[in-house]
Amino acid sequence: MLRGRLAMAAALSAAAISGLVLGWVFGAPLAGLSIGLLAFSTALIGYTERTARWVEGRFAGGAPAVPRPFSRIPDALQRADRKARAQERALRQVVGRMRVAADAVPDALVALDESGRVLWRNESAGQLLGLQESDVGAPVSDRVRDPTLAAYLQGDEFDSPLDLTSPVRQQLTLSIRMVPYGTGQRLLIAEDVTRLHHLERTRRDFISNISHELRTPLTVLSGYLESMSQSEDLGGGRWRTPISQMVAQAARMDTIVADLLLLSRLETGTAADRQEAVAVPGMLSAIRQDAAALSGEARHEITLDCAPNLWMSGVESELRSAFSNLVFNAVRYTPPGGHIDMRWWRDQRGAHFSVKDDGEGVPEEHLPRLTERFYRVDLGRARDAGGTGLGLAIVKHVLLHHGGGLEIASELGVGSAFTCHFPPDRIVLPGAKRAIA
């Protein structure tokens, strides 16, 4: 850069000295100096114009013929152009490899702009969603005509995936996810989950069928065991203890079967129960009395803080099952003399029900799995407490059925808190037929 400045200064000095000498010869040195500087400026403007035309023509042909002091500009532009073209070729190669890799992905990938128009798609998008190269630039909702997908795209809640049937192959089930990126852009990912849905449906059918098949023989066994336990002819009473144990285990198996059937019905989402206005305060009062009876000699202190006029729309039997499971679990796993606080209230976010206890608490690493079927933190302790391992799974699915969610907080040695959240549109006035916001 310094060399270029020196060369430019030398050229300017030469022009000025030449003009000054020429003017001195003719007796007008200042006029000669002005003519020399004017000639230098005119030449500089001409060289700049030729260079500009050359740049506008994308460096067509060779660089313009300019004296050495001014040749640094086209030389620098040519070097920058060669570097930019090399970088462009490298970038095209990277983009090409990425396109090949994206086309090899079995999931459909569709890049959308802020208006929902297709910016790019891979080959699997054509096989799963029917999107072709000619669809680039068109709204994806116009090419994949599904009202559920259109509503999903218009919303801003992309935390949960959307399951829908493939518009190209009706036998396929797709899981749609949206990943925001850039400025207002989104990546639509469609995954084929047909096999997973088939396995899940098979598992549900198996549990439902086996539960139904177990119910009849369990009923027969329980009936005979009850009769035997009440009979006086038991060989001097030496069979009373084993029979009473069999009665208790049969009752426990019957409870597990009933819970499995309820869970299966909730998972299929085909519950026939009619949605109605549920008097939650009265329900919770009855659950508190049942919890006190379950506590028995443990003498837990069970309190209820309940908004008296707060009802909600839902299935009463399901809500009773969810709320009672939370309360009875607190009774089972809270040491004798402990405190259990039930609360039912409303705020701007909706209606809420919480159960807090001062029991032993649950280690943090177990919290994400508490709602899994048959998952227990302490297997032996859970069996001694009489739990089936299905209660929290039932709670989770009841809340999902009612558009709600379950929040779990626990600390070892302090206690646990289970909170059910329901959306505002579930709240109803006592005796009303419809929900209020």
Protein backbone atom coordinates (compact mmCIF):
# COMPACT_ATOMS: atom_id res chain seq x y z
CA MET A 1 0.00 0.00 0.00
CA LEU A 2 2.88 2.38 0.86
CA ARG A 3 4.53 1.58 -2.49
CA GLY A 4 1.32 2.47 -4.31
CA ARG A 5 1.03 5.76 -2.46
CA LEU A 6 4.64 6.63 -3.29
CA ALA A 7 4.09 5.80 -6.97
CA MET A 8 0.97 7.97 -7.06
CA ALA A 9 2.80 10.82 -5.31
CA ALA A 10 5.70 10.49 -7.77
CA ALA A 11 3.32 10.69 -10.75
CA LEU A 12 1.61 13.73 -9.30
CA SER A 13 4.97 15.39 -8.60
CA ALA A 14 6.19 14.68 -12.13
CA ALA A 15 3.07 16.24 -13.63
CA ALA A 16 3.38 19.30 -11.38
CA ILE A 17 7.12 19.78 -12.09
CA SER A 18 6.64 19.30 -15.82
CA GLY A 19 3.92 21.95 -15.89
CA LEU A 20 5.97 24.29 -13.73
CA VAL A 21 9.03 23.98 -15.99
CA LEU A 22 6.93 24.45 -19.11
CA GLY A 23 5.29 27.55 -17.61
CA TRP A 24 8.69 28.97 -16.53
CA VAL A 25 9.95 28.64 -20.11
CA PHE A 26 7.00 30.71 -21.31
CA GLY A 27 7.19 33.10 -18.38
CA ALA A 28 4.04 31.85 -16.61
CA PRO A 29 5.10 29.23 -14.01
CA LEU A 30 1.78 29.22 -12.11
CA ALA A 31 -0.22 28.74 -15.29
CA GLY A 32 2.10 25.90 -16.28
CA LEU A 33 1.68 24.31 -12.83
CA SER A 34 -2.11 24.52 -13.20
CA ILE A 35 -1.96 22.96 -16.67
CA GLY A 36 0.20 20.11 -15.35
CA LEU A 37 -2.18 19.36 -12.47
CA LEU A 38 -5.19 19.63 -14.82
CA ALA A 39 -3.59 17.14 -17.20
CA PHE A 40 -2.93 14.74 -14.31
CA SER A 41 -6.54 15.03 -13.09
CA THR A 42 -7.94 14.53 -16.62
CA ALA A 43 -5.82 11.41 -17.08
CA LEU A 44 -6.89 10.09 -13.66
CA ILE A 45 -10.57 10.63 -14.48
CA GLY A 46 -10.16 8.87 -17.83
CA TYR A 47 -8.39 5.90 -16.27
CA THR A 48 -11.05 5.71 -13.56
CA GLU A 49 -13.85 5.73 -16.14
CA ARG A 50 -12.22 2.95 -18.19
CA THR A 51 -11.68 0.91 -15.04
CA ALA A 52 -15.33 1.44 -14.00
CA ARG A 53 -16.59 0.24 -17.42
CA TRP A 54 -14.32 -2.78 -17.12
CA VAL A 55 -15.66 -3.59 -13.64
CA GLU A 56 -19.28 -3.16 -14.76
CA GLY A 57 -18.59 -5.62 -17.57
CA ARG A 58 -17.54 -8.18 -14.99
CA PHE A 59 -13.89 -7.87 -15.99
CA ALA A 60 -14.66 -8.69 -19.65
CA GLY A 61 -11.42 -8.88 -21.64
CA GLY A 62 -8.10 -7.80 -20.26
CA ALA A 63 -7.52 -5.02 -17.80
CA PRO A 64 -7.62 -1.47 -19.27
CA ALA A 65 -4.29 -0.03 -20.36
CA VAL A 66 -3.36 2.42 -17.65
CA PRO A 67 0.00 3.73 -16.49
CA ARG A 68 1.64 1.80 -13.69
CA PRO A 69 0.66 4.16 -10.83
CA PHE A 70 -3.03 3.52 -11.66
CA SER A 71 -2.73 -0.19 -12.53
CA ARG A 72 -2.95 -1.30 -8.89
CA ILE A 73 -6.73 -0.92 -8.91
CA PRO A 74 -7.50 -3.35 -11.78
CA ASP A 75 -4.74 -5.67 -10.59
CA ALA A 76 -6.26 -5.80 -7.10
CA LEU A 77 -9.73 -6.32 -8.57
CA GLN A 78 -8.50 -9.19 -10.72
CA ARG A 79 -6.86 -10.87 -7.74
CA ALA A 80 -10.01 -10.39 -5.63
CA ASP A 81 -12.13 -11.76 -8.49
CA ARG A 82 -9.96 -14.86 -8.85
CA LYS A 83 -10.18 -15.44 -5.09
CA ALA A 84 -13.97 -14.91 -5.06
CA ARG A 85 -14.45 -17.30 -7.99
CA ALA A 86 -12.34 -19.94 -6.24
CA GLN A 87 -14.40 -19.51 -3.06
CA GLU A 88 -17.63 -19.69 -5.08
CA ARG A 89 -16.52 -22.95 -6.71
CA ALA A 90 -15.61 -24.39 -3.30
CA LEU A 91 -18.96 -23.25 -1.86
CA ARG A 92 -20.85 -24.81 -4.76
CA GLN A 93 -19.04 -28.08 -4.15
CA VAL A 94 -19.98 -27.97 -0.45
CA VAL A 95 -23.60 -27.13 -1.29
CA GLY A 96 -23.64 -29.94 -3.84
CA ARG A 97 -22.36 -32.44 -1.30
CA MET A 98 -24.92 -31.20 1.25
CA ARG A 99 -27.72 -31.62 -1.30
CA VAL A 100 -26.59 -35.18 -2.02
CA ALA A 101 -26.46 -35.92 1.71
CA ALA A 102 -29.89 -34.32 2.27
CA ASP A 103 -31.38 -36.36 -0.58
CA ALA A 104 -30.04 -39.50 1.08
CA VAL A 105 -31.90 -38.74 4.34
CA PRO A 106 -35.02 -40.94 4.61
CA ASP A 107 -36.97 -38.12 6.33
CA ALA A 108 -38.64 -35.39 4.28
CA LEU A 109 -36.84 -32.04 4.67
CA VAL A 110 -38.57 -28.85 3.47
CA ALA A 111 -37.18 -25.34 4.01
CA LEU A 112 -39.92 -22.70 4.34
CA ASP A 113 -39.73 -18.92 4.34
CA GLU A 114 -41.61 -16.68 6.77
CA SER A 115 -44.73 -16.93 4.55
CA GLY A 116 -44.70 -20.72 4.46
CA ARG A 117 -43.43 -20.94 0.88
CA VAL A 118 -41.12 -23.75 -0.15
CA LEU A 119 -37.51 -22.63 -0.50
CA TRP A 120 -36.02 -26.10 -0.96
CA ARG A 121 -36.93 -29.75 -0.53
CA ASN A 122 -35.09 -33.07 -0.63
CA GLU A 123 -36.00 -36.20 -2.56
CA SER A 124 -37.80 -37.81 0.39
CA ALA A 125 -40.21 -34.85 0.46
CA GLY A 126 -41.49 -36.05 -2.89
CA GLN A 127 -41.88 -39.64 -1.69
CA LEU A 128 -43.59 -38.79 1.60
CA LEU A 129 -45.33 -35.44 0.98
CA GLY A 130 -45.58 -35.31 -2.81
CA LEU A 131 -43.51 -32.12 -3.09
CA GLN A 132 -41.64 -31.78 -6.39
CA GLU A 133 -38.95 -29.38 -7.60
CA SER A 134 -41.64 -27.41 -9.41
CA ASP A 135 -43.30 -26.69 -6.05
CA VAL A 136 -40.42 -24.47 -4.91
CA GLY A 137 -41.81 -20.97 -4.36
CA ALA A 138 -45.36 -22.17 -3.71
CA PRO A 139 -47.05 -22.26 -0.26
CA VAL A 140 -46.58 -25.72 1.23
CA SER A 141 -50.21 -25.73 2.44
CA ASP A 142 -51.33 -25.41 -1.21
CA ARG A 143 -49.28 -28.44 -2.24
CA VAL A 144 -49.91 -30.64 0.81
CA ARG A 145 -53.64 -30.23 1.28
CA ASP A 146 -54.37 -31.27 4.84
CA PRO A 147 -56.39 -28.98 7.16
CA THR A 148 -54.58 -30.35 10.21
CA LEU A 149 -51.20 -29.48 8.72
CA ALA A 150 -52.43 -26.03 7.66
CA ALA A 151 -53.61 -25.27 11.21
CA TYR A 152 -50.32 -26.57 12.61
CA LEU A 153 -48.29 -24.32 10.30
CA GLN A 154 -50.37 -21.25 11.13
CA GLY A 155 -49.78 -21.71 14.86
CA ASP A 156 -46.63 -20.94 16.77
CA GLU A 157 -46.66 -23.99 19.06
CA PHE A 158 -44.14 -26.44 17.64
CA ASP A 159 -43.10 -28.12 20.89
CA SER A 160 -45.06 -31.27 20.04
CA PRO A 161 -44.95 -33.07 16.67
CA LEU A 162 -48.01 -33.54 14.50
CA ASP A 163 -49.03 -37.00 13.28
CA LEU A 164 -50.87 -37.24 9.97
CA THR A 165 -51.41 -39.61 7.08
CA SER A 166 -49.09 -39.25 4.09
CA PRO A 167 -50.92 -37.55 1.18
CA VAL A 168 -48.96 -39.75 -1.25
CA ARG A 169 -49.11 -43.14 0.46
CA GLN A 170 -52.19 -43.53 2.63
CA GLN A 171 -50.72 -46.51 4.49
CA LEU A 172 -47.94 -44.36 5.97
CA THR A 173 -48.16 -42.29 9.15
CA LEU A 174 -45.90 -39.25 9.30
CA SER A 175 -44.65 -37.28 12.30
CA ILE A 176 -44.27 -33.59 11.39
CA ARG A 177 -41.85 -31.34 13.28
CA MET A 178 -41.00 -27.68 12.71
CA VAL A 179 -37.53 -26.29 13.49
CA PRO A 180 -37.17 -22.47 13.32
CA TYR A 181 -33.91 -21.14 11.90
CA GLY A 182 -32.54 -17.93 10.41
CA THR A 183 -34.88 -14.93 10.28
CA GLY A 184 -38.45 -16.20 10.21
CA GLN A 185 -37.53 -19.35 8.29
CA ARG A 186 -38.50 -22.86 9.33
CA LEU A 187 -37.45 -26.39 8.48
CA LEU A 188 -40.28 -28.90 8.14
CA ILE A 189 -39.22 -32.46 8.96
CA ALA A 190 -41.55 -35.36 8.17
CA GLU A 191 -40.58 -38.75 9.59
CA ASP A 192 -42.17 -42.07 8.71
CA VAL A 193 -43.40 -43.46 12.05
CA THR A 194 -45.69 -46.13 10.62
CA ARG A 195 -43.76 -48.97 12.23
CA LEU A 196 -43.66 -47.26 15.62
CA HIS A 197 -47.42 -46.62 15.48
CA HIS A 198 -48.02 -50.24 14.52
CA LEU A 199 -45.90 -51.46 17.45
CA GLU A 200 -47.65 -49.06 19.83
CA ARG A 201 -51.07 -50.17 18.58
CA THR A 202 -50.04 -53.82 18.96
CA ARG A 203 -48.84 -53.16 22.51
CA ARG A 204 -52.08 -51.39 23.43
CA ASP A 205 -54.20 -54.14 21.91
CA PHE A 206 -52.20 -56.79 23.73
CA ILE A 207 -52.56 -55.05 27.10
CA SER A 208 -56.25 -54.44 26.53
CA ASN A 209 -56.93 -58.02 25.42
CA ILE A 210 -54.90 -59.66 28.17
CA SER A 211 -56.55 -57.44 30.75
CA HIS A 212 -59.98 -58.44 29.54
CA GLU A 213 -58.99 -62.11 29.52
CA LEU A 214 -57.65 -61.90 33.08
CA ARG A 215 -60.72 -60.21 34.49
CA THR A 216 -63.02 -63.27 34.29
CA PRO A 217 -60.71 -65.82 35.97
CA LEU A 218 -59.74 -63.23 38.57
CA THR A 219 -63.41 -62.66 39.38
CA VAL A 220 -63.93 -66.42 39.81
CA LEU A 221 -60.84 -66.83 42.00
CA SER A 222 -61.72 -63.83 44.12
CA GLY A 223 -65.23 -65.15 44.66
CA TYR A 224 -64.06 -68.59 45.82
CA LEU A 225 -61.35 -67.08 48.01
CA GLU A 226 -63.85 -64.75 49.66
CA SER A 227 -66.14 -67.69 50.36
CA MET A 228 -63.29 -69.75 51.78
CA SER A 229 -62.09 -66.88 53.96
CA GLN A 230 -65.55 -66.68 55.54
CA SER A 231 -65.92 -70.43 55.97
CA GLU A 232 -65.49 -71.99 59.41
CA ASP A 233 -64.35 -75.33 58.00
CA LEU A 234 -60.67 -74.47 57.35
CA GLY A 235 -58.89 -77.26 59.18
CA GLY A 236 -58.58 -75.57 62.52
CA GLY A 237 -57.85 -72.22 61.00
CA ARG A 238 -54.38 -73.09 59.68
CA TRP A 239 -55.49 -71.99 56.19
CA ARG A 240 -56.82 -68.62 57.25
CA THR A 241 -53.51 -66.77 56.88
CA PRO A 242 -52.62 -68.08 53.39
CA ILE A 243 -56.19 -67.59 52.19
CA SER A 244 -56.29 -64.03 53.50
CA GLN A 245 -52.99 -63.36 51.70
CA MET A 246 -54.42 -64.82 48.49
CA VAL A 247 -57.50 -62.62 48.86
CA ALA A 248 -55.28 -59.54 49.20
CA GLN A 249 -53.14 -60.45 46.19
CA ALA A 250 -56.21 -61.25 44.08
CA ALA A 251 -57.63 -57.83 44.98
CA ARG A 252 -54.32 -56.23 44.04
CA MET A 253 -54.32 -58.05 40.67
CA ASP A 254 -57.89 -56.92 40.10
CA THR A 255 -56.80 -53.32 40.74
CA ILE A 256 -53.91 -53.68 38.28
CA VAL A 257 -56.25 -55.08 35.61
CA ALA A 258 -58.72 -52.23 36.15
CA ASP A 259 -55.91 -49.67 35.88
CA LEU A 260 -54.57 -51.32 32.72
CA LEU A 261 -58.00 -51.22 31.11
CA LEU A 262 -58.44 -47.55 32.03
CA LEU A 263 -54.96 -46.69 30.76
CA SER A 264 -55.58 -48.56 27.51
CA ARG A 265 -58.83 -46.66 26.98
CA LEU A 266 -57.12 -43.34 27.67
CA GLU A 267 -54.23 -44.09 25.30
CA THR A 268 -56.51 -45.00 22.40
CA GLY A 269 -58.33 -41.70 22.79
CA THR A 270 -61.64 -43.38 22.06
CA ALA A 271 -63.32 -42.72 25.38
CA ALA A 272 -67.08 -42.60 25.00
CA ASP A 273 -67.62 -40.61 28.19
CA ARG A 274 -69.52 -37.39 27.66
CA GLN A 275 -67.78 -34.14 28.51
CA GLU A 276 -69.73 -32.32 31.21
CA ALA A 277 -69.40 -29.67 33.89
CA VAL A 278 -67.66 -31.38 36.81
CA ALA A 279 -68.13 -30.13 40.37
CA VAL A 280 -64.46 -30.42 41.31
CA PRO A 281 -64.79 -28.95 44.85
CA GLY A 282 -67.23 -31.65 45.90
CA MET A 283 -65.10 -34.33 44.26
CA LEU A 284 -61.97 -33.18 46.09
CA SER A 285 -63.81 -33.09 49.41
CA ALA A 286 -64.83 -36.74 48.95
CA ILE A 287 -61.27 -37.69 47.90
CA ARG A 288 -59.93 -36.03 51.05
CA GLN A 289 -62.25 -38.15 53.19
CA ASP A 290 -61.16 -41.31 51.36
CA ALA A 291 -57.51 -40.33 51.84
CA ALA A 292 -58.07 -39.87 55.57
CA ALA A 293 -59.61 -43.35 55.74
CA LEU A 294 -56.64 -44.76 53.78
CA SER A 295 -54.23 -43.05 56.16
CA GLY A 296 -55.79 -44.82 59.13
CA GLU A 297 -53.34 -45.23 61.97
CA ALA A 298 -50.68 -43.22 60.10
CA ARG A 299 -52.72 -40.15 61.02
CA HIS A 300 -51.57 -37.88 58.21
CA GLU A 301 -52.68 -34.27 58.39
CA ILE A 302 -54.55 -33.74 55.10
CA THR A 303 -55.68 -30.21 54.24
CA LEU A 304 -57.77 -28.92 51.34
CA ASP A 305 -57.62 -25.34 50.01
CA CYS A 306 -60.31 -25.23 47.33
CA ALA A 307 -61.99 -22.47 45.31
CA PRO A 308 -65.67 -23.26 46.03
CA ASN A 309 -67.12 -22.09 42.70
CA LEU A 310 -64.41 -23.42 40.40
CA TRP A 311 -65.77 -26.18 38.16
CA MET A 312 -64.31 -27.51 34.92
CA SER A 313 -65.43 -29.26 31.77
CA GLY A 314 -64.30 -32.87 31.45
CA VAL A 315 -64.97 -36.53 32.14
CA GLU A 316 -65.77 -36.88 35.83
CA SER A 317 -64.62 -40.49 36.20
CA GLU A 318 -61.26 -39.72 34.60
CA LEU A 319 -60.67 -36.60 36.69
CA ARG A 320 -61.59 -38.46 39.86
CA SER A 321 -59.12 -41.20 38.96
CA ALA A 322 -56.30 -38.69 38.28
CA PHE A 323 -56.87 -36.59 41.42
CA SER A 324 -57.33 -39.59 43.71
CA ASN A 325 -54.18 -41.26 42.36
CA LEU A 326 -52.10 -38.21 43.27
CA VAL A 327 -53.63 -37.91 46.75
CA PHE A 328 -53.49 -41.63 47.56
CA ASN A 329 -49.87 -41.82 46.38
CA ALA A 330 -49.04 -39.00 48.78
CA VAL A 331 -50.69 -40.96 51.60
CA ARG A 332 -48.83 -44.17 50.72
CA TYR A 333 -45.38 -42.59 50.47
CA THR A 334 -45.53 -40.02 53.26
CA PRO A 335 -44.32 -41.19 56.71
CA PRO A 336 -46.89 -41.40 59.54
CA GLY A 337 -47.83 -38.03 60.94
CA GLY A 338 -46.78 -36.21 57.79
CA HIS A 339 -48.58 -33.33 56.08
CA ILE A 340 -50.42 -33.53 52.76
CA ASP A 341 -51.79 -30.32 51.24
CA MET A 342 -54.40 -30.37 48.48
CA ARG A 343 -55.09 -27.15 46.55
CA TRP A 344 -57.50 -26.27 43.72
CA TRP A 345 -57.31 -22.74 42.29
CA ARG A 346 -57.57 -20.59 39.17
CA ASP A 347 -55.39 -17.88 37.63
CA GLN A 348 -54.85 -16.30 34.19
CA ARG A 349 -53.19 -19.46 32.89
CA GLY A 350 -56.12 -21.71 33.75
CA ALA A 351 -57.18 -24.07 36.55
CA HIS A 352 -54.69 -25.96 38.72
CA PHE A 353 -54.71 -28.80 41.23
CA SER A 354 -51.68 -29.58 43.39
CA VAL A 355 -50.79 -32.19 45.99
CA LYS A 356 -47.81 -31.44 48.23
CA ASP A 357 -46.32 -33.66 50.91
CA ASP A 358 -43.36 -33.59 53.28
CA GLY A 359 -42.30 -37.17 52.59
CA GLU A 360 -38.92 -38.55 51.61
CA GLY A 361 -38.93 -37.00 48.12
CA VAL A 362 -37.73 -38.47 44.83
CA PRO A 363 -34.16 -38.28 43.45
CA GLU A 364 -33.94 -35.86 40.54
CA GLU A 365 -32.76 -38.49 38.05
CA HIS A 366 -36.02 -40.43 38.49
CA LEU A 367 -38.40 -37.50 37.87
CA PRO A 368 -38.55 -37.73 34.03
CA ARG A 369 -39.61 -41.41 34.21
CA LEU A 370 -42.19 -41.27 36.99
CA THR A 371 -45.12 -41.29 34.53
CA GLU A 372 -43.94 -44.43 32.75
CA ARG A 373 -45.99 -47.59 33.26
CA PHE A 374 -44.80 -49.74 36.18
CA TYR A 375 -41.84 -47.45 36.85
CA ARG A 376 -40.95 -47.35 40.54
CA VAL A 377 -38.15 -45.56 42.34
CA ASP A 378 -38.03 -48.25 45.03
CA LEU A 379 -39.66 -51.49 43.89
CA GLY A 380 -39.88 -53.12 47.30
CA ARG A 381 -41.22 -50.01 49.01
CA ALA A 382 -43.82 -49.50 46.27
CA ARG A 383 -45.13 -53.05 46.66
CA ASP A 384 -45.32 -52.69 50.42
CA ALA A 385 -47.28 -49.46 49.95
CA GLY A 386 -49.76 -51.22 47.68
CA GLY A 387 -49.07 -49.21 44.52
CA THR A 388 -49.50 -50.67 41.03
CA GLY A 389 -46.97 -48.48 39.19
CA LEU A 390 -49.73 -47.24 36.86
CA GLY A 391 -51.14 -44.30 38.83
CA LEU A 392 -48.97 -41.50 37.41
CA ALA A 393 -49.26 -42.93 33.89
CA ILE A 394 -53.04 -42.68 34.26
CA VAL A 395 -52.71 -39.13 35.58
CA LYS A 396 -50.59 -38.11 32.59
CA HIS A 397 -53.03 -39.50 30.04
CA VAL A 398 -56.09 -38.06 31.80
CA LEU A 399 -54.46 -34.63 31.68
CA LEU A 400 -53.57 -35.05 28.00
CA HIS A 401 -57.19 -36.05 27.35
CA HIS A 402 -58.23 -32.76 28.98
CA GLY A 403 -55.63 -30.58 27.25
CA GLY A 404 -53.57 -30.23 30.41
CA GLY A 405 -50.17 -31.21 31.73
CA LEU A 406 -48.44 -32.53 34.84
CA GLU A 407 -45.63 -30.70 36.65
CA ILE A 408 -43.50 -32.65 39.15
CA ALA A 409 -41.12 -31.13 41.70
CA SER A 410 -39.35 -33.09 44.41
CA GLU A 411 -36.40 -32.81 46.77
CA LEU A 412 -34.89 -35.57 48.87
CA GLY A 413 -35.69 -35.15 52.54
CA VAL A 414 -38.10 -32.27 51.86
CA GLY A 415 -41.04 -33.72 49.94
CA SER A 416 -42.78 -33.69 46.58
CA ALA A 417 -45.31 -31.57 44.72
CA PHE A 418 -47.47 -32.79 41.84
CA THR A 419 -49.40 -30.06 40.00
CA CYS A 420 -52.05 -30.54 37.30
CA HIS A 421 -52.52 -27.65 34.90
CA PHE A 422 -55.69 -27.18 32.81
CA PRO A 423 -56.23 -24.55 30.09
CA PRO A 424 -58.60 -21.61 30.71
CA ASP A 425 -61.18 -22.92 28.24
CA ARG A 426 -61.83 -25.86 30.62
CA ILE A 427 -63.16 -23.59 33.38
CA VAL A 428 -66.95 -23.46 33.78
CA LEU A 429 -69.33 -21.68 36.09
CA PRO A 430 -71.33 -23.90 38.50
CA GLY A 431 -74.30 -25.29 36.60
CA ALA A 432 -73.13 -23.83 33.30
CA LYS A 433 -73.15 -25.87 30.14
CA ARG A 434 -70.10 -24.36 28.45
CA ALA A 435 -66.61 -23.32 29.34
CA ILE A 436 -65.56 -19.74 29.96
CA ALA A 437 -62.22 -18.15 29.09
